[in-house]
Amino acid sequence: MRKTVLAVLMLLVSLTLSASGYVASTSWVGSYMDLAGIDDFTVIAPSTLRHPPEYELKPSDIRLLTDADLFVYAGYEKMMEVISSSLVSETRNDLRISTGNDLDNVEAQVMKIAEAAGTLPRLDEYRAVIERGREIVREKGLDDLKVLCHTMHLPLAKDLGLNITASFGPAEMSPSEIADAASADYDLIIDNVHNPVAGPAAEVSDAVVLIWRNFPEENVRGALSDMVGENIELLERAF
């Protein structure tokens, strides 16, 4: 009798360990999985990191990936150096997506994930956030602003209707870029909290400086919509 009970318990533990299901590389990728209608997924890189793509795999992460049914990633993560070379799985479906927060891209990538997972996407909430942002830009005349934007935020800034005159990053600003910031009379500089490099430009310019996010701080329902909404609120309050 004891042997039977022990065997059942061991089977249950085995099933639990192998039921990893859906795995995302970072919170940004995970937020796309959320919009794709996936309610239960695991994110490898902690969302509290300043720069999640630099996260390196731990042994527990490797077990998680080995047992996963679907792993979604963006391709620029440091962990992919290990995953692509030594963690090939015959049972896991790996899906690469493009991370950029403009509506067209979000819709396209979310549909890819939903098709792979067999889920129903929930994009209405994100469409509403973008439409609200576009309306704010139009109504407040923010499309007339002269904007210097971090490259990671170009997709969202353009989608909202902002007038992007020049961009910078992700590398440190060059002397010519700093000189441009000093002479070009920018109204707005948008930097990136995960890779801030606009400090020198801010020192030589009278422009309003906003620092946006692209990796959500939490792995929760509606994370991408909330984060982009907060970026838009920063823009609205600044002008």
C-alpha atoms as a PDB file:
ATOM      1  CA  MET A   1       0.000   0.000   0.000  1.00  0.00           C
ATOM      2  CA  ARG A   2       2.805   2.400   0.963  1.00  0.00           C
ATOM      3  CA  LYS A   3       4.633   1.596  -2.264  1.00  0.00           C
ATOM      4  CA  THR A   4       1.512   2.415  -4.271  1.00  0.00           C
ATOM      5  CA  VAL A   5       1.011   5.743  -2.512  1.00  0.00           C
ATOM      6  CA  LEU A   6       4.679   6.611  -2.985  1.00  0.00           C
ATOM      7  CA  ALA A   7       4.496   5.784  -6.693  1.00  0.00           C
ATOM      8  CA  VAL A   8       1.430   8.011  -7.136  1.00  0.00           C
ATOM      9  CA  LEU A   9       3.120  10.880  -5.312  1.00  0.00           C
ATOM     10  CA  MET A  10       6.239  10.546  -7.447  1.00  0.00           C
ATOM     11  CA  LEU A  11       4.079  10.599 -10.588  1.00  0.00           C
ATOM     12  CA  LEU A  12       2.281  13.761  -9.442  1.00  0.00           C
ATOM     13  CA  VAL A  13       5.589  15.486  -8.695  1.00  0.00           C
ATOM     14  CA  SER A  14       6.904  14.481 -12.115  1.00  0.00           C
ATOM     15  CA  LEU A  15       3.822  15.867 -13.836  1.00  0.00           C
ATOM     16  CA  THR A  16       4.076  19.095 -11.865  1.00  0.00           C
ATOM     17  CA  LEU A  17       7.716  19.583 -12.812  1.00  0.00           C
ATOM     18  CA  SER A  18       7.039  18.980 -16.494  1.00  0.00           C
ATOM     19  CA  ALA A  19       3.963  21.197 -16.685  1.00  0.00           C
ATOM     20  CA  SER A  20       5.928  24.431 -17.202  1.00  0.00           C
ATOM     21  CA  GLY A  21       3.716  25.398 -20.138  1.00  0.00           C
ATOM     22  CA  TYR A  22       4.482  28.898 -21.357  1.00  0.00           C
ATOM     23  CA  VAL A  23       7.751  30.729 -20.707  1.00  0.00           C
ATOM     24  CA  ALA A  24       8.832  34.274 -21.652  1.00  0.00           C
ATOM     25  CA  SER A  25      12.383  35.597 -21.700  1.00  0.00           C
ATOM     26  CA  THR A  26      11.563  39.007 -20.149  1.00  0.00           C
ATOM     27  CA  SER A  27       8.632  40.974 -18.774  1.00  0.00           C
ATOM     28  CA  TRP A  28       8.327  42.824 -22.098  1.00  0.00           C
ATOM     29  CA  VAL A  29       7.879  39.565 -23.987  1.00  0.00           C
ATOM     30  CA  GLY A  30       5.611  38.294 -21.221  1.00  0.00           C
ATOM     31  CA  SER A  31       3.341  41.319 -21.618  1.00  0.00           C
ATOM     32  CA  TYR A  32       2.803  40.326 -25.256  1.00  0.00           C
ATOM     33  CA  MET A  33       1.910  36.792 -24.107  1.00  0.00           C
ATOM     34  CA  ASP A  34      -0.630  38.315 -21.740  1.00  0.00           C
ATOM     35  CA  LEU A  35      -2.246  40.226 -24.617  1.00  0.00           C
ATOM     36  CA  ALA A  36      -2.275  36.984 -26.595  1.00  0.00           C
ATOM     37  CA  GLY A  37      -4.674  35.537 -24.030  1.00  0.00           C
ATOM     38  CA  ILE A  38      -2.217  33.436 -22.029  1.00  0.00           C
ATOM     39  CA  ASP A  39      -3.118  33.672 -18.343  1.00  0.00           C
ATOM     40  CA  ASP A  40      -0.414  31.473 -16.841  1.00  0.00           C
ATOM     41  CA  PHE A  41       3.192  31.930 -17.947  1.00  0.00           C
ATOM     42  CA  THR A  42       6.618  32.216 -16.340  1.00  0.00           C
ATOM     43  CA  VAL A  43       9.110  35.020 -16.997  1.00  0.00           C
ATOM     44  CA  ILE A  44      12.796  34.137 -16.743  1.00  0.00           C
ATOM     45  CA  ALA A  45      14.476  37.535 -16.224  1.00  0.00           C
ATOM     46  CA  PRO A  46      13.278  39.328 -13.068  1.00  0.00           C
ATOM     47  CA  SER A  47      11.159  42.350 -13.975  1.00  0.00           C
ATOM     48  CA  THR A  48      12.960  44.413 -11.318  1.00  0.00           C
ATOM     49  CA  LEU A  49      16.240  44.423 -13.260  1.00  0.00           C
ATOM     50  CA  ARG A  50      17.371  47.735 -14.758  1.00  0.00           C
ATOM     51  CA  HIS A  51      18.239  45.998 -18.029  1.00  0.00           C
ATOM     52  CA  PRO A  52      16.491  42.590 -18.220  1.00  0.00           C
ATOM     53  CA  PRO A  53      18.110  41.458 -21.517  1.00  0.00           C
ATOM     54  CA  GLU A  54      21.456  41.166 -19.684  1.00  0.00           C
ATOM     55  CA  TYR A  55      20.116  38.493 -17.319  1.00  0.00           C
ATOM     56  CA  GLU A  56      22.137  35.254 -17.355  1.00  0.00           C
ATOM     57  CA  LEU A  57      20.523  31.859 -16.894  1.00  0.00           C
ATOM     58  CA  LYS A  58      20.574  29.963 -13.608  1.00  0.00           C
ATOM     59  CA  PRO A  59      20.317  26.151 -13.324  1.00  0.00           C
ATOM     60  CA  SER A  60      16.643  26.437 -12.333  1.00  0.00           C
ATOM     61  CA  ASP A  61      15.971  28.444 -15.488  1.00  0.00           C
ATOM     62  CA  ILE A  62      17.528  25.744 -17.618  1.00  0.00           C
ATOM     63  CA  ARG A  63      15.209  23.107 -16.114  1.00  0.00           C
ATOM     64  CA  LEU A  64      12.271  25.419 -16.739  1.00  0.00           C
ATOM     65  CA  LEU A  65      13.215  25.867 -20.393  1.00  0.00           C
ATOM     66  CA  THR A  66      13.866  22.187 -20.927  1.00  0.00           C
ATOM     67  CA  ASP A  67      10.346  21.332 -19.771  1.00  0.00           C
ATOM     68  CA  ALA A  68       8.540  24.255 -21.439  1.00  0.00           C
ATOM     69  CA  ASP A  69       5.965  23.736 -24.200  1.00  0.00           C
ATOM     70  CA  LEU A  70       6.335  27.254 -25.650  1.00  0.00           C
ATOM     71  CA  PHE A  71       9.217  29.670 -25.134  1.00  0.00           C
ATOM     72  CA  VAL A  72       8.814  33.211 -26.495  1.00  0.00           C
ATOM     73  CA  TYR A  73      11.808  35.543 -26.825  1.00  0.00           C
ATOM     74  CA  ALA A  74      12.983  38.638 -28.713  1.00  0.00           C
ATOM     75  CA  GLY A  75      16.446  37.511 -29.808  1.00  0.00           C
ATOM     76  CA  TYR A  76      18.599  40.219 -28.224  1.00  0.00           C
ATOM     77  CA  GLU A  77      18.642  38.623 -24.759  1.00  0.00           C
ATOM     78  CA  LYS A  78      22.038  37.511 -23.451  1.00  0.00           C
ATOM     79  CA  MET A  79      20.477  34.212 -22.376  1.00  0.00           C
ATOM     80  CA  MET A  80      19.935  33.310 -26.040  1.00  0.00           C
ATOM     81  CA  GLU A  81      23.684  32.676 -26.425  1.00  0.00           C
ATOM     82  CA  VAL A  82      23.219  29.625 -24.204  1.00  0.00           C
ATOM     83  CA  ILE A  83      19.714  28.652 -25.264  1.00  0.00           C
ATOM     84  CA  SER A  84      20.388  28.622 -29.001  1.00  0.00           C
ATOM     85  CA  SER A  85      23.552  26.562 -28.661  1.00  0.00           C
ATOM     86  CA  SER A  86      22.811  24.016 -25.951  1.00  0.00           C
ATOM     87  CA  LEU A  87      19.150  24.027 -24.961  1.00  0.00           C
ATOM     88  CA  VAL A  88      17.489  22.735 -28.106  1.00  0.00           C
ATOM     89  CA  SER A  89      14.366  20.773 -27.213  1.00  0.00           C
ATOM     90  CA  GLU A  90      12.413  18.455 -29.487  1.00  0.00           C
ATOM     91  CA  THR A  91       9.225  19.068 -27.515  1.00  0.00           C
ATOM     92  CA  ARG A  92       9.494  22.829 -26.930  1.00  0.00           C
ATOM     93  CA  ASN A  93       8.185  25.335 -29.463  1.00  0.00           C
ATOM     94  CA  ASP A  94      10.452  28.414 -29.602  1.00  0.00           C
ATOM     95  CA  LEU A  95       8.916  31.596 -30.993  1.00  0.00           C
ATOM     96  CA  ARG A  96      10.843  34.786 -31.734  1.00  0.00           C
ATOM     97  CA  ILE A  97       8.920  38.050 -31.748  1.00  0.00           C
ATOM     98  CA  SER A  98       9.739  41.691 -32.435  1.00  0.00           C
ATOM     99  CA  THR A  99       9.362  44.034 -29.456  1.00  0.00           C
ATOM    100  CA  GLY A 100       8.213  47.527 -30.403  1.00  0.00           C
ATOM    101  CA  ASN A 101       5.225  49.194 -28.804  1.00  0.00           C
ATOM    102  CA  ASP A 102       3.558  50.694 -31.878  1.00  0.00           C
ATOM    103  CA  LEU A 103       0.083  49.276 -32.367  1.00  0.00           C
ATOM    104  CA  ASP A 104       0.752  47.563 -35.710  1.00  0.00           C
ATOM    105  CA  ASN A 105       3.687  45.616 -34.315  1.00  0.00           C
ATOM    106  CA  VAL A 106       1.976  44.697 -31.055  1.00  0.00           C
ATOM    107  CA  GLU A 107      -1.039  43.374 -32.950  1.00  0.00           C
ATOM    108  CA  ALA A 108       1.130  41.338 -35.335  1.00  0.00           C
ATOM    109  CA  GLN A 109       3.285  39.777 -32.606  1.00  0.00           C
ATOM    110  CA  VAL A 110       0.354  39.055 -30.313  1.00  0.00           C
ATOM    111  CA  MET A 111      -1.422  37.230 -33.132  1.00  0.00           C
ATOM    112  CA  LYS A 112       1.707  35.108 -33.737  1.00  0.00           C
ATOM    113  CA  ILE A 113       1.791  34.094 -30.085  1.00  0.00           C
ATOM    114  CA  ALA A 114      -1.955  33.413 -29.945  1.00  0.00           C
ATOM    115  CA  GLU A 115      -1.702  31.175 -33.001  1.00  0.00           C
ATOM    116  CA  ALA A 116       1.178  29.222 -31.473  1.00  0.00           C
ATOM    117  CA  ALA A 117      -0.596  28.845 -28.121  1.00  0.00           C
ATOM    118  CA  GLY A 118      -4.116  28.309 -29.451  1.00  0.00           C
ATOM    119  CA  THR A 119      -5.495  31.202 -27.393  1.00  0.00           C
ATOM    120  CA  LEU A 120      -7.781  34.162 -28.075  1.00  0.00           C
ATOM    121  CA  PRO A 121      -5.979  37.537 -28.110  1.00  0.00           C
ATOM    122  CA  ARG A 122      -7.284  40.471 -26.086  1.00  0.00           C
ATOM    123  CA  LEU A 123      -6.053  43.547 -27.924  1.00  0.00           C
ATOM    124  CA  ASP A 124      -8.928  45.960 -27.322  1.00  0.00           C
ATOM    125  CA  GLU A 125      -7.379  47.343 -24.139  1.00  0.00           C
ATOM    126  CA  TYR A 126      -4.096  48.137 -25.872  1.00  0.00           C
ATOM    127  CA  ARG A 127      -5.826  49.708 -28.866  1.00  0.00           C
ATOM    128  CA  ALA A 128      -7.733  51.969 -26.459  1.00  0.00           C
ATOM    129  CA  VAL A 129      -4.503  53.113 -24.763  1.00  0.00           C
ATOM    130  CA  ILE A 130      -2.866  54.002 -28.087  1.00  0.00           C
ATOM    131  CA  GLU A 131      -5.976  55.796 -29.359  1.00  0.00           C
ATOM    132  CA  ARG A 132      -6.117  57.827 -26.145  1.00  0.00           C
ATOM    133  CA  GLY A 133      -2.448  58.766 -26.577  1.00  0.00           C
ATOM    134  CA  ARG A 134      -2.993  59.835 -30.175  1.00  0.00           C
ATOM    135  CA  GLU A 135      -5.947  61.955 -29.100  1.00  0.00           C
ATOM    136  CA  ILE A 136      -3.899  63.681 -26.391  1.00  0.00           C
ATOM    137  CA  VAL A 137      -1.142  64.498 -28.890  1.00  0.00           C
ATOM    138  CA  ARG A 138      -3.650  65.942 -31.367  1.00  0.00           C
ATOM    139  CA  GLU A 139      -5.738  67.914 -28.879  1.00  0.00           C
ATOM    140  CA  LYS A 140      -2.755  69.454 -27.070  1.00  0.00           C
ATOM    141  CA  GLY A 141      -0.852  70.207 -30.274  1.00  0.00           C
ATOM    142  CA  LEU A 142       2.051  68.011 -29.204  1.00  0.00           C
ATOM    143  CA  ASP A 143       2.581  66.960 -32.818  1.00  0.00           C
ATOM    144  CA  ASP A 144       4.192  70.391 -33.329  1.00  0.00           C
ATOM    145  CA  LEU A 145       6.907  69.687 -30.775  1.00  0.00           C
ATOM    146  CA  LYS A 146      10.458  69.121 -31.974  1.00  0.00           C
ATOM    147  CA  VAL A 147      11.414  65.780 -30.443  1.00  0.00           C
ATOM    148  CA  LEU A 148      14.744  64.019 -29.846  1.00  0.00           C
ATOM    149  CA  CYS A 149      13.965  60.374 -29.054  1.00  0.00           C
ATOM    150  CA  HIS A 150      15.811  57.300 -27.769  1.00  0.00           C
ATOM    151  CA  THR A 151      15.760  54.613 -30.478  1.00  0.00           C
ATOM    152  CA  MET A 152      13.965  52.110 -28.219  1.00  0.00           C
ATOM    153  CA  HIS A 153      10.974  54.439 -27.991  1.00  0.00           C
ATOM    154  CA  LEU A 154      10.786  55.489 -31.637  1.00  0.00           C
ATOM    155  CA  PRO A 155       7.967  53.037 -32.550  1.00  0.00           C
ATOM    156  CA  LEU A 156       5.652  54.264 -29.789  1.00  0.00           C
ATOM    157  CA  ALA A 157       6.519  57.958 -30.153  1.00  0.00           C
ATOM    158  CA  LYS A 158       5.875  57.899 -33.898  1.00  0.00           C
ATOM    159  CA  ASP A 159       2.650  55.936 -33.475  1.00  0.00           C
ATOM    160  CA  LEU A 160       1.332  58.553 -31.062  1.00  0.00           C
ATOM    161  CA  GLY A 161       1.940  61.216 -33.706  1.00  0.00           C
ATOM    162  CA  LEU A 162       4.974  62.971 -32.229  1.00  0.00           C
ATOM    163  CA  ASN A 163       7.322  64.764 -34.615  1.00  0.00           C
ATOM    164  CA  ILE A 164      10.638  62.944 -34.248  1.00  0.00           C
ATOM    165  CA  THR A 165      13.397  65.175 -35.597  1.00  0.00           C
ATOM    166  CA  ALA A 166      16.342  62.990 -34.522  1.00  0.00           C
ATOM    167  CA  SER A 167      17.137  59.921 -32.431  1.00  0.00           C
ATOM    168  CA  PHE A 168      19.974  58.643 -30.245  1.00  0.00           C
ATOM    169  CA  GLY A 169      21.109  55.518 -28.401  1.00  0.00           C
ATOM    170  CA  PRO A 170      21.390  52.856 -27.316  1.00  0.00           C
ATOM    171  CA  ALA A 171      25.117  53.759 -27.217  1.00  0.00           C
ATOM    172  CA  GLU A 172      26.417  56.812 -25.372  1.00  0.00           C
ATOM    173  CA  MET A 173      25.772  60.087 -27.185  1.00  0.00           C
ATOM    174  CA  SER A 174      28.566  61.185 -29.499  1.00  0.00           C
ATOM    175  CA  PRO A 175      30.056  64.711 -29.421  1.00  0.00           C
ATOM    176  CA  SER A 176      28.175  65.563 -32.620  1.00  0.00           C
ATOM    177  CA  GLU A 177      24.856  64.404 -31.099  1.00  0.00           C
ATOM    178  CA  ILE A 178      25.476  66.506 -28.000  1.00  0.00           C
ATOM    179  CA  ALA A 179      26.315  69.505 -30.168  1.00  0.00           C
ATOM    180  CA  ASP A 180      23.100  68.961 -32.105  1.00  0.00           C
ATOM    181  CA  ALA A 181      21.110  68.882 -28.870  1.00  0.00           C
ATOM    182  CA  ALA A 182      22.691  72.184 -27.862  1.00  0.00           C
ATOM    183  CA  SER A 183      21.814  73.968 -31.102  1.00  0.00           C
ATOM    184  CA  ALA A 184      18.649  72.355 -32.446  1.00  0.00           C
ATOM    185  CA  ASP A 185      16.148  73.865 -29.976  1.00  0.00           C
ATOM    186  CA  TYR A 186      14.380  70.625 -29.135  1.00  0.00           C
ATOM    187  CA  ASP A 187      11.136  70.897 -27.184  1.00  0.00           C
ATOM    188  CA  LEU A 188      11.196  67.330 -25.880  1.00  0.00           C
ATOM    189  CA  ILE A 189      13.814  64.650 -25.228  1.00  0.00           C
ATOM    190  CA  ILE A 190      12.564  61.101 -24.598  1.00  0.00           C
ATOM    191  CA  ASP A 191      15.094  58.837 -22.850  1.00  0.00           C
ATOM    192  CA  ASN A 192      14.892  55.182 -21.802  1.00  0.00           C
ATOM    193  CA  VAL A 193      14.889  54.181 -18.124  1.00  0.00           C
ATOM    194  CA  HIS A 194      16.478  50.811 -18.985  1.00  0.00           C
ATOM    195  CA  ASN A 195      19.378  52.405 -20.840  1.00  0.00           C
ATOM    196  CA  PRO A 196      19.495  56.154 -20.072  1.00  0.00           C
ATOM    197  CA  VAL A 197      22.065  58.036 -22.158  1.00  0.00           C
ATOM    198  CA  ALA A 198      20.484  61.460 -22.726  1.00  0.00           C
ATOM    199  CA  GLY A 199      22.124  63.131 -19.719  1.00  0.00           C
ATOM    200  CA  PRO A 200      24.621  65.171 -21.788  1.00  0.00           C
ATOM    201  CA  ALA A 201      21.860  66.364 -24.120  1.00  0.00           C
ATOM    202  CA  ALA A 202      19.708  67.406 -21.176  1.00  0.00           C
ATOM    203  CA  GLU A 203      22.585  69.481 -19.782  1.00  0.00           C
ATOM    204  CA  VAL A 204      22.959  71.543 -22.961  1.00  0.00           C
ATOM    205  CA  SER A 205      19.286  71.820 -23.938  1.00  0.00           C
ATOM    206  CA  ASP A 206      16.229  73.586 -22.519  1.00  0.00           C
ATOM    207  CA  ALA A 207      13.997  70.741 -23.695  1.00  0.00           C
ATOM    208  CA  VAL A 208      11.594  68.884 -21.413  1.00  0.00           C
ATOM    209  CA  VAL A 209      13.100  65.476 -20.620  1.00  0.00           C
ATOM    210  CA  LEU A 210      10.863  62.426 -20.200  1.00  0.00           C
ATOM    211  CA  ILE A 211      12.098  58.961 -19.246  1.00  0.00           C
ATOM    212  CA  TRP A 212       9.891  56.196 -20.597  1.00  0.00           C
ATOM    213  CA  ARG A 213       9.817  52.460 -19.891  1.00  0.00           C
ATOM    214  CA  ASN A 214       9.528  49.553 -22.309  1.00  0.00           C
ATOM    215  CA  PHE A 215       9.942  46.623 -19.886  1.00  0.00           C
ATOM    216  CA  PRO A 216       6.948  46.420 -17.495  1.00  0.00           C
ATOM    217  CA  GLU A 217       7.837  46.475 -13.806  1.00  0.00           C
ATOM    218  CA  GLU A 218       5.472  43.602 -12.981  1.00  0.00           C
ATOM    219  CA  ASN A 219       4.308  40.417 -14.668  1.00  0.00           C
ATOM    220  CA  VAL A 220       0.611  41.068 -14.242  1.00  0.00           C
ATOM    221  CA  ARG A 221      -2.576  41.192 -16.321  1.00  0.00           C
ATOM    222  CA  GLY A 222      -2.562  44.271 -18.559  1.00  0.00           C
ATOM    223  CA  ALA A 223       1.118  45.060 -17.920  1.00  0.00           C
ATOM    224  CA  LEU A 224       1.892  46.488 -21.367  1.00  0.00           C
ATOM    225  CA  SER A 225      -1.247  48.615 -21.482  1.00  0.00           C
ATOM    226  CA  ASP A 226      -0.525  49.988 -18.005  1.00  0.00           C
ATOM    227  CA  MET A 227       3.111  50.757 -18.785  1.00  0.00           C
ATOM    228  CA  VAL A 228       2.414  52.507 -22.084  1.00  0.00           C
ATOM    229  CA  GLY A 229      -0.447  54.360 -20.416  1.00  0.00           C
ATOM    230  CA  GLU A 230       1.995  55.637 -17.788  1.00  0.00           C
ATOM    231  CA  ASN A 231       4.393  56.811 -20.534  1.00  0.00           C
ATOM    232  CA  ILE A 232       1.515  58.713 -22.118  1.00  0.00           C
ATOM    233  CA  GLU A 233       0.527  60.247 -18.774  1.00  0.00           C
ATOM    234  CA  LEU A 234       4.080  61.536 -18.326  1.00  0.00           C
ATOM    235  CA  LEU A 235       3.818  63.181 -21.740  1.00  0.00           C
ATOM    236  CA  GLU A 236       0.414  64.679 -20.970  1.00  0.00           C
ATOM    237  CA  ARG A 237       1.496  66.112 -17.602  1.00  0.00           C
ATOM    238  CA  ALA A 238       4.693  67.602 -19.039  1.00  0.00           C
ATOM    239  CA  PHE A 239       2.767  69.900 -21.378  1.00  0.00           C
END
